[in-house]
Amino acid sequence: MLNHLSWASYWEAVIAVLVIYYAFVGIRFYSPDIKKLISRPALQNNSGNELPEQLVYQEQAVADHGLPEEVSYADDHYPDDDILEADELTISVKALVSGASGKSYAPDQLIPLIRAEFQKHQVLTNSPYRPAINELVVSECERTGVAELTEDEVDEWWNS
């Protein structure tokens, strides 16, 4: 019955119907967006290298906020020292937790050891790394099955 139609003419008809359908949908539902898209190149510069106003550096704005020109740290304690101290603490906490993972479930033995490590690294008590270290302790204990802790519990160990 349809022997006179070839596959090529079938695909041409399908493509024509799809083009008409999507043109109708585009005009019917997206005409404002299409108009914006077409008119946008006429409003822009040909260079295309302009940054939005919010991203343009304004040196005067920094001076107006009264930001300190030089940052000073009490007791010659620099943030790089905090990073090294935090790395040291994380290594020791991981070692403690992995050492306890081979033993039976005994968080009462592990918790005092971790508290002692926190006391050795009191510099990190008010550090921005403290929440990350707390999370590390909880996740390592959970991963190895040594203890089930919450971050609030671990956070209390810094002051005790």
N, C-alpha and C. Protein backbone atom coordinates (compact mmCIF):
# COMPACT_ATOMS: atom_id res chain seq x y z
N MET A 1 0.82 -1.18 0.00
CA MET A 1 0.00 0.00 0.00
C MET A 1 0.86 1.25 0.00
N LEU A 2 1.88 1.30 0.82
CA LEU A 2 2.75 2.47 0.87
C LEU A 2 4.08 2.20 0.18
N ASN A 3 4.07 1.33 -0.77
CA ASN A 3 5.31 0.97 -1.46
C ASN A 3 5.90 2.11 -2.26
N HIS A 4 5.08 3.06 -2.66
CA HIS A 4 5.58 4.17 -3.48
C HIS A 4 6.35 5.20 -2.65
N LEU A 5 6.28 5.15 -1.28
CA LEU A 5 7.01 6.07 -0.41
C LEU A 5 8.37 5.48 -0.06
N SER A 6 9.41 6.31 -0.15
CA SER A 6 10.74 5.85 0.25
C SER A 6 11.03 6.33 1.67
N TRP A 7 12.08 5.76 2.24
CA TRP A 7 12.47 6.18 3.58
C TRP A 7 12.94 7.62 3.60
N ALA A 8 13.57 8.05 2.57
CA ALA A 8 14.03 9.44 2.50
C ALA A 8 12.86 10.41 2.53
N SER A 9 11.82 10.13 1.77
CA SER A 9 10.66 11.03 1.79
C SER A 9 9.93 10.96 3.13
N TYR A 10 9.94 9.78 3.78
CA TYR A 10 9.33 9.66 5.10
C TYR A 10 10.05 10.56 6.10
N TRP A 11 11.38 10.49 6.14
CA TRP A 11 12.15 11.31 7.08
C TRP A 11 12.02 12.79 6.77
N GLU A 12 11.92 13.16 5.50
CA GLU A 12 11.70 14.57 5.14
C GLU A 12 10.37 15.06 5.69
N ALA A 13 9.35 14.23 5.61
CA ALA A 13 8.04 14.61 6.12
C ALA A 13 8.06 14.72 7.65
N VAL A 14 8.73 13.79 8.32
CA VAL A 14 8.82 13.83 9.78
C VAL A 14 9.57 15.10 10.22
N ILE A 15 10.67 15.41 9.56
CA ILE A 15 11.43 16.61 9.92
C ILE A 15 10.62 17.87 9.66
N ALA A 16 9.89 17.93 8.57
CA ALA A 16 9.06 19.10 8.26
C ALA A 16 7.98 19.28 9.32
N VAL A 17 7.33 18.19 9.75
CA VAL A 17 6.29 18.28 10.77
C VAL A 17 6.90 18.75 12.10
N LEU A 18 8.08 18.25 12.45
CA LEU A 18 8.73 18.66 13.69
C LEU A 18 9.13 20.13 13.66
N VAL A 19 9.64 20.60 12.54
CA VAL A 19 10.02 22.01 12.43
C VAL A 19 8.78 22.89 12.58
N ILE A 20 7.70 22.52 11.94
CA ILE A 20 6.46 23.31 12.06
C ILE A 20 5.95 23.28 13.50
N TYR A 21 5.98 22.13 14.15
CA TYR A 21 5.51 22.00 15.52
C TYR A 21 6.34 22.87 16.47
N TYR A 22 7.67 22.77 16.40
CA TYR A 22 8.52 23.54 17.31
C TYR A 22 8.48 25.04 17.00
N ALA A 23 8.27 25.39 15.77
CA ALA A 23 8.10 26.81 15.44
C ALA A 23 6.82 27.33 16.07
N PHE A 24 5.75 26.58 16.00
CA PHE A 24 4.49 26.98 16.62
C PHE A 24 4.65 27.12 18.13
N VAL A 25 5.27 26.12 18.80
CA VAL A 25 5.46 26.18 20.25
C VAL A 25 6.34 27.36 20.62
N GLY A 26 7.41 27.59 19.86
CA GLY A 26 8.30 28.71 20.15
C GLY A 26 7.59 30.05 20.02
N ILE A 27 6.82 30.23 18.98
CA ILE A 27 6.11 31.50 18.78
C ILE A 27 5.01 31.66 19.81
N ARG A 28 4.30 30.60 20.08
CA ARG A 28 3.15 30.67 21.00
C ARG A 28 3.57 30.92 22.45
N PHE A 29 4.58 30.21 22.93
CA PHE A 29 4.91 30.25 24.34
C PHE A 29 6.19 31.01 24.69
N TYR A 30 7.09 31.16 23.74
CA TYR A 30 8.39 31.76 24.04
C TYR A 30 8.68 33.01 23.22
N SER A 31 7.67 33.65 22.70
CA SER A 31 7.93 34.82 21.85
C SER A 31 8.64 35.96 22.58
N PRO A 32 8.32 36.29 23.86
CA PRO A 32 9.09 37.36 24.52
C PRO A 32 10.57 37.00 24.69
N ASP A 33 10.85 35.75 25.01
CA ASP A 33 12.24 35.33 25.16
C ASP A 33 12.98 35.37 23.83
N ILE A 34 12.32 34.97 22.78
CA ILE A 34 12.94 35.00 21.46
C ILE A 34 13.21 36.43 21.03
N LYS A 35 12.28 37.34 21.33
CA LYS A 35 12.50 38.75 20.99
C LYS A 35 13.69 39.32 21.75
N LYS A 36 13.82 38.97 23.03
CA LYS A 36 14.97 39.43 23.81
C LYS A 36 16.27 38.88 23.23
N LEU A 37 16.25 37.61 22.85
CA LEU A 37 17.43 36.97 22.32
C LEU A 37 17.87 37.60 21.00
N ILE A 38 16.90 37.96 20.18
CA ILE A 38 17.22 38.57 18.88
C ILE A 38 17.67 40.01 19.06
N SER A 39 17.06 40.76 19.97
CA SER A 39 17.41 42.17 20.12
C SER A 39 18.67 42.38 20.96
N ARG A 40 19.12 41.42 21.73
CA ARG A 40 20.28 41.57 22.61
C ARG A 40 21.57 41.91 21.85
N PRO A 41 21.92 41.25 20.76
CA PRO A 41 23.16 41.59 20.08
C PRO A 41 23.20 43.03 19.57
N ALA A 42 22.07 43.61 19.28
CA ALA A 42 22.04 44.99 18.80
C ALA A 42 22.40 45.96 19.91
N LEU A 43 22.12 45.62 21.18
CA LEU A 43 22.40 46.49 22.30
C LEU A 43 23.84 46.37 22.80
N GLN A 44 24.50 45.26 22.54
CA GLN A 44 25.84 45.04 23.07
C GLN A 44 26.89 45.65 22.18
N ASN A 45 28.06 45.88 22.79
CA ASN A 45 29.22 46.31 22.03
C ASN A 45 29.72 45.14 21.20
N ASN A 46 30.44 45.42 20.17
CA ASN A 46 30.98 44.37 19.34
C ASN A 46 32.15 43.65 20.02
N SER A 47 32.76 44.30 21.01
CA SER A 47 33.91 43.69 21.68
C SER A 47 33.51 42.47 22.49
N GLY A 48 32.40 42.52 23.22
CA GLY A 48 31.93 41.41 24.02
C GLY A 48 32.78 41.15 25.25
N ASN A 49 33.71 42.05 25.57
CA ASN A 49 34.62 41.85 26.68
C ASN A 49 34.26 42.69 27.90
N GLU A 50 33.07 43.19 27.97
CA GLU A 50 32.69 44.03 29.09
C GLU A 50 32.21 43.18 30.26
N LEU A 51 32.63 43.57 31.46
CA LEU A 51 32.18 42.90 32.67
C LEU A 51 30.93 43.60 33.21
N PRO A 52 30.08 42.86 33.88
CA PRO A 52 28.96 43.52 34.54
C PRO A 52 29.48 44.51 35.58
N GLU A 53 28.68 45.48 35.91
CA GLU A 53 29.10 46.55 36.81
C GLU A 53 29.51 46.02 38.18
N GLN A 54 28.85 44.96 38.66
CA GLN A 54 29.15 44.42 39.98
C GLN A 54 30.54 43.78 40.03
N LEU A 55 31.06 43.34 38.87
CA LEU A 55 32.35 42.65 38.86
C LEU A 55 33.53 43.57 38.57
N VAL A 56 33.26 44.82 38.28
CA VAL A 56 34.34 45.76 37.99
C VAL A 56 34.98 46.18 39.31
N TYR A 57 36.32 46.09 39.39
CA TYR A 57 37.04 46.43 40.60
C TYR A 57 36.98 47.93 40.82
N GLN A 58 36.60 48.29 42.05
CA GLN A 58 36.54 49.71 42.40
C GLN A 58 37.40 49.92 43.63
N GLU A 59 38.57 50.51 43.46
CA GLU A 59 39.52 50.69 44.55
C GLU A 59 38.97 51.62 45.62
N GLN A 60 38.20 52.59 45.25
CA GLN A 60 37.65 53.56 46.19
C GLN A 60 36.70 52.89 47.18
N ALA A 61 35.96 51.87 46.74
CA ALA A 61 35.01 51.20 47.61
C ALA A 61 35.72 50.50 48.77
N VAL A 62 36.90 49.95 48.55
CA VAL A 62 37.64 49.28 49.61
C VAL A 62 38.12 50.31 50.63
N ALA A 63 38.58 51.45 50.17
CA ALA A 63 39.08 52.48 51.08
C ALA A 63 37.95 53.07 51.92
N ASP A 64 36.75 53.15 51.39
CA ASP A 64 35.63 53.75 52.11
C ASP A 64 35.18 52.89 53.28
N HIS A 65 35.39 51.59 53.23
CA HIS A 65 34.92 50.70 54.29
C HIS A 65 35.84 50.73 55.51
N GLY A 66 36.95 51.39 55.41
CA GLY A 66 37.86 51.50 56.54
C GLY A 66 38.51 50.18 56.91
N LEU A 67 38.81 49.36 55.93
CA LEU A 67 39.47 48.10 56.22
C LEU A 67 40.90 48.36 56.67
N PRO A 68 41.40 47.60 57.60
CA PRO A 68 42.76 47.83 58.06
C PRO A 68 43.76 47.51 56.95
N GLU A 69 44.78 48.32 56.87
CA GLU A 69 45.77 48.10 55.83
C GLU A 69 46.64 46.90 56.15
N GLU A 70 46.92 46.69 57.43
CA GLU A 70 47.78 45.60 57.84
C GLU A 70 47.08 44.79 58.92
N VAL A 71 47.08 43.49 58.76
CA VAL A 71 46.44 42.63 59.73
C VAL A 71 47.50 42.19 60.73
N SER A 72 47.20 42.34 62.01
CA SER A 72 48.15 41.92 63.02
C SER A 72 47.56 40.75 63.80
N TYR A 73 48.41 39.82 64.19
CA TYR A 73 47.97 38.66 64.93
C TYR A 73 48.59 38.71 66.32
N ALA A 74 47.79 38.39 67.31
CA ALA A 74 48.27 38.41 68.69
C ALA A 74 49.29 37.30 68.89
N ASP A 75 50.31 37.58 69.64
CA ASP A 75 51.35 36.62 70.01
C ASP A 75 52.07 36.04 68.79
N ASP A 76 52.14 36.80 67.73
CA ASP A 76 52.81 36.34 66.51
C ASP A 76 52.29 34.98 66.05
N HIS A 77 51.01 34.78 66.17
CA HIS A 77 50.39 33.53 65.77
C HIS A 77 49.74 33.73 64.41
N TYR A 78 50.24 33.07 63.41
CA TYR A 78 49.78 33.27 62.05
C TYR A 78 48.88 32.13 61.62
N PRO A 79 48.00 32.39 60.65
CA PRO A 79 47.09 31.33 60.20
C PRO A 79 47.82 30.10 59.68
N ASP A 80 49.03 30.26 59.11
CA ASP A 80 49.76 29.11 58.63
C ASP A 80 50.07 28.15 59.78
N ASP A 81 50.32 28.72 60.96
CA ASP A 81 50.56 27.88 62.12
C ASP A 81 49.32 27.07 62.47
N ASP A 82 48.14 27.68 62.32
CA ASP A 82 46.90 26.96 62.58
C ASP A 82 46.74 25.77 61.63
N ILE A 83 47.11 25.97 60.39
CA ILE A 83 46.98 24.88 59.41
C ILE A 83 47.90 23.73 59.79
N LEU A 84 49.12 24.06 60.15
CA LEU A 84 50.06 23.01 60.54
C LEU A 84 49.59 22.31 61.81
N GLU A 85 49.10 23.09 62.74
CA GLU A 85 48.60 22.52 64.00
C GLU A 85 47.39 21.62 63.74
N ALA A 86 46.49 22.06 62.85
CA ALA A 86 45.30 21.26 62.51
C ALA A 86 45.70 19.97 61.80
N ASP A 87 46.68 20.06 60.91
CA ASP A 87 47.15 18.84 60.24
C ASP A 87 47.73 17.86 61.25
N GLU A 88 48.51 18.38 62.17
CA GLU A 88 49.10 17.54 63.20
C GLU A 88 48.02 16.84 64.03
N LEU A 89 47.00 17.61 64.40
CA LEU A 89 45.91 17.05 65.20
C LEU A 89 45.12 16.00 64.43
N THR A 90 44.83 16.28 63.16
CA THR A 90 44.06 15.30 62.38
C THR A 90 44.84 14.01 62.20
N ILE A 91 46.14 14.12 62.01
CA ILE A 91 46.95 12.90 61.87
C ILE A 91 46.92 12.09 63.16
N SER A 92 47.06 12.76 64.29
CA SER A 92 47.06 12.03 65.56
C SER A 92 45.68 11.45 65.87
N VAL A 93 44.61 12.17 65.53
CA VAL A 93 43.26 11.64 65.78
C VAL A 93 43.00 10.42 64.89
N LYS A 94 43.41 10.50 63.63
CA LYS A 94 43.24 9.35 62.74
C LYS A 94 44.02 8.14 63.25
N ALA A 95 45.21 8.39 63.77
CA ALA A 95 46.01 7.29 64.29
C ALA A 95 45.35 6.68 65.52
N LEU A 96 44.81 7.52 66.39
CA LEU A 96 44.13 7.00 67.58
C LEU A 96 42.92 6.17 67.21
N VAL A 97 42.12 6.67 66.28
CA VAL A 97 40.89 5.97 65.89
C VAL A 97 41.23 4.68 65.17
N SER A 98 42.21 4.71 64.27
CA SER A 98 42.56 3.47 63.57
C SER A 98 43.18 2.45 64.52
N GLY A 99 43.91 2.92 65.54
CA GLY A 99 44.45 2.00 66.54
C GLY A 99 43.36 1.37 67.38
N ALA A 100 42.31 2.13 67.64
CA ALA A 100 41.19 1.61 68.44
C ALA A 100 40.27 0.72 67.61
N SER A 101 40.37 0.80 66.29
CA SER A 101 39.44 0.02 65.46
C SER A 101 39.73 -1.47 65.53
N GLY A 102 40.97 -1.84 65.85
CA GLY A 102 41.29 -3.26 65.95
C GLY A 102 40.84 -3.88 67.26
N LYS A 103 40.44 -3.06 68.19
CA LYS A 103 40.04 -3.55 69.51
C LYS A 103 38.51 -3.62 69.58
N SER A 104 38.03 -4.17 70.70
CA SER A 104 36.58 -4.26 70.87
C SER A 104 35.99 -2.85 71.07
N TYR A 105 34.70 -2.77 70.93
CA TYR A 105 33.98 -1.50 71.05
C TYR A 105 34.17 -0.94 72.45
N ALA A 106 35.04 0.11 72.55
CA ALA A 106 35.33 0.68 73.87
C ALA A 106 35.55 2.19 73.74
N PRO A 107 34.48 2.95 73.54
CA PRO A 107 34.66 4.39 73.41
C PRO A 107 35.16 5.04 74.69
N ASP A 108 34.96 4.38 75.85
CA ASP A 108 35.42 4.94 77.11
C ASP A 108 36.94 5.02 77.17
N GLN A 109 37.62 4.18 76.42
CA GLN A 109 39.08 4.22 76.37
C GLN A 109 39.57 5.22 75.34
N LEU A 110 38.83 5.39 74.25
CA LEU A 110 39.26 6.27 73.16
C LEU A 110 39.01 7.74 73.47
N ILE A 111 37.88 8.05 74.06
CA ILE A 111 37.49 9.44 74.29
C ILE A 111 38.52 10.20 75.12
N PRO A 112 39.03 9.67 76.21
CA PRO A 112 40.05 10.41 76.96
C PRO A 112 41.32 10.68 76.14
N LEU A 113 41.67 9.76 75.26
CA LEU A 113 42.85 9.97 74.42
C LEU A 113 42.64 11.13 73.44
N ILE A 114 41.45 11.19 72.87
CA ILE A 114 41.16 12.28 71.93
C ILE A 114 41.08 13.60 72.69
N ARG A 115 40.50 13.59 73.87
CA ARG A 115 40.45 14.81 74.68
C ARG A 115 41.86 15.30 75.01
N ALA A 116 42.75 14.37 75.30
CA ALA A 116 44.13 14.75 75.60
C ALA A 116 44.80 15.38 74.38
N GLU A 117 44.49 14.86 73.20
CA GLU A 117 45.03 15.46 71.98
C GLU A 117 44.49 16.87 71.77
N PHE A 118 43.21 17.07 72.07
CA PHE A 118 42.63 18.41 71.97
C PHE A 118 43.32 19.36 72.94
N GLN A 119 43.66 18.86 74.14
CA GLN A 119 44.32 19.72 75.12
C GLN A 119 45.74 20.07 74.67
N LYS A 120 46.40 19.18 73.96
CA LYS A 120 47.74 19.47 73.43
C LYS A 120 47.68 20.56 72.37
N HIS A 121 46.56 20.65 71.68
CA HIS A 121 46.40 21.60 70.58
C HIS A 121 45.37 22.67 70.94
N GLN A 122 45.54 23.28 72.09
CA GLN A 122 44.61 24.31 72.57
C GLN A 122 44.58 25.54 71.66
N VAL A 123 45.61 25.72 70.83
CA VAL A 123 45.65 26.86 69.91
C VAL A 123 44.46 26.82 68.96
N LEU A 124 43.95 25.63 68.68
CA LEU A 124 42.85 25.47 67.73
C LEU A 124 41.47 25.62 68.35
N THR A 125 41.41 25.96 69.64
CA THR A 125 40.12 26.05 70.31
C THR A 125 39.21 27.08 69.65
N ASN A 126 39.74 28.22 69.27
CA ASN A 126 38.93 29.26 68.61
C ASN A 126 39.23 29.36 67.13
N SER A 127 39.78 28.32 66.58
CA SER A 127 40.18 28.31 65.18
C SER A 127 38.98 28.02 64.27
N PRO A 128 39.02 28.49 63.05
CA PRO A 128 37.95 28.14 62.11
C PRO A 128 38.00 26.67 61.68
N TYR A 129 39.09 25.98 62.02
CA TYR A 129 39.21 24.57 61.67
C TYR A 129 38.53 23.65 62.67
N ARG A 130 38.10 24.19 63.78
CA ARG A 130 37.51 23.38 64.86
C ARG A 130 36.30 22.57 64.39
N PRO A 131 35.32 23.15 63.68
CA PRO A 131 34.18 22.33 63.23
C PRO A 131 34.59 21.20 62.29
N ALA A 132 35.59 21.48 61.44
CA ALA A 132 36.04 20.43 60.52
C ALA A 132 36.72 19.30 61.28
N ILE A 133 37.47 19.65 62.32
CA ILE A 133 38.13 18.63 63.13
C ILE A 133 37.08 17.81 63.88
N ASN A 134 36.06 18.47 64.40
CA ASN A 134 34.98 17.76 65.08
C ASN A 134 34.30 16.77 64.13
N GLU A 135 34.04 17.23 62.92
CA GLU A 135 33.41 16.37 61.93
C GLU A 135 34.31 15.20 61.57
N LEU A 136 35.60 15.45 61.50
CA LEU A 136 36.55 14.38 61.20
C LEU A 136 36.52 13.30 62.27
N VAL A 137 36.50 13.71 63.54
CA VAL A 137 36.47 12.74 64.64
C VAL A 137 35.20 11.89 64.54
N VAL A 138 34.06 12.55 64.32
CA VAL A 138 32.79 11.81 64.24
C VAL A 138 32.80 10.85 63.06
N SER A 139 33.24 11.33 61.90
CA SER A 139 33.20 10.48 60.70
C SER A 139 34.19 9.32 60.79
N GLU A 140 35.38 9.56 61.34
CA GLU A 140 36.35 8.48 61.49
C GLU A 140 35.85 7.41 62.47
N CYS A 141 35.28 7.86 63.58
CA CYS A 141 34.73 6.90 64.54
C CYS A 141 33.58 6.11 63.95
N GLU A 142 32.76 6.78 63.18
CA GLU A 142 31.63 6.11 62.55
C GLU A 142 32.10 5.14 61.47
N ARG A 143 33.09 5.57 60.69
CA ARG A 143 33.59 4.75 59.59
C ARG A 143 34.23 3.46 60.11
N THR A 144 34.98 3.57 61.18
CA THR A 144 35.66 2.39 61.72
C THR A 144 34.81 1.60 62.70
N GLY A 145 33.72 2.19 63.16
CA GLY A 145 32.83 1.51 64.08
C GLY A 145 33.34 1.51 65.52
N VAL A 146 34.22 2.46 65.82
CA VAL A 146 34.81 2.53 67.15
C VAL A 146 33.83 3.12 68.16
N ALA A 147 33.14 4.18 67.76
CA ALA A 147 32.20 4.85 68.67
C ALA A 147 31.15 5.58 67.84
N GLU A 148 30.01 5.79 68.44
CA GLU A 148 28.95 6.58 67.81
C GLU A 148 28.88 7.91 68.55
N LEU A 149 29.33 8.96 67.88
CA LEU A 149 29.42 10.28 68.51
C LEU A 149 28.63 11.29 67.70
N THR A 150 28.37 12.42 68.34
CA THR A 150 27.80 13.55 67.63
C THR A 150 28.82 14.68 67.66
N GLU A 151 28.67 15.61 66.73
CA GLU A 151 29.60 16.73 66.68
C GLU A 151 29.50 17.60 67.93
N ASP A 152 28.32 17.69 68.53
CA ASP A 152 28.17 18.47 69.76
C ASP A 152 28.96 17.85 70.91
N GLU A 153 28.93 16.51 71.00
CA GLU A 153 29.72 15.85 72.03
C GLU A 153 31.21 16.13 71.87
N VAL A 154 31.67 16.00 70.65
CA VAL A 154 33.08 16.22 70.37
C VAL A 154 33.45 17.67 70.63
N ASP A 155 32.55 18.60 70.31
CA ASP A 155 32.83 20.01 70.51
C ASP A 155 33.01 20.35 72.00
N GLU A 156 32.32 19.64 72.86
CA GLU A 156 32.44 19.86 74.31
C GLU A 156 33.81 19.43 74.84
N TRP A 157 34.48 18.53 74.14
CA TRP A 157 35.78 18.01 74.60
C TRP A 157 36.87 19.07 74.54
N TRP A 158 36.68 20.10 73.73
CA TRP A 158 37.71 21.14 73.61
C TRP A 158 37.89 21.91 74.92
N ASN A 159 36.82 22.06 75.67
CA ASN A 159 36.88 22.88 76.89
C ASN A 159 37.10 22.06 78.15
N SER A 160 37.04 20.74 78.04
CA SER A 160 37.16 19.94 79.27
C SER A 160 38.57 19.42 79.46
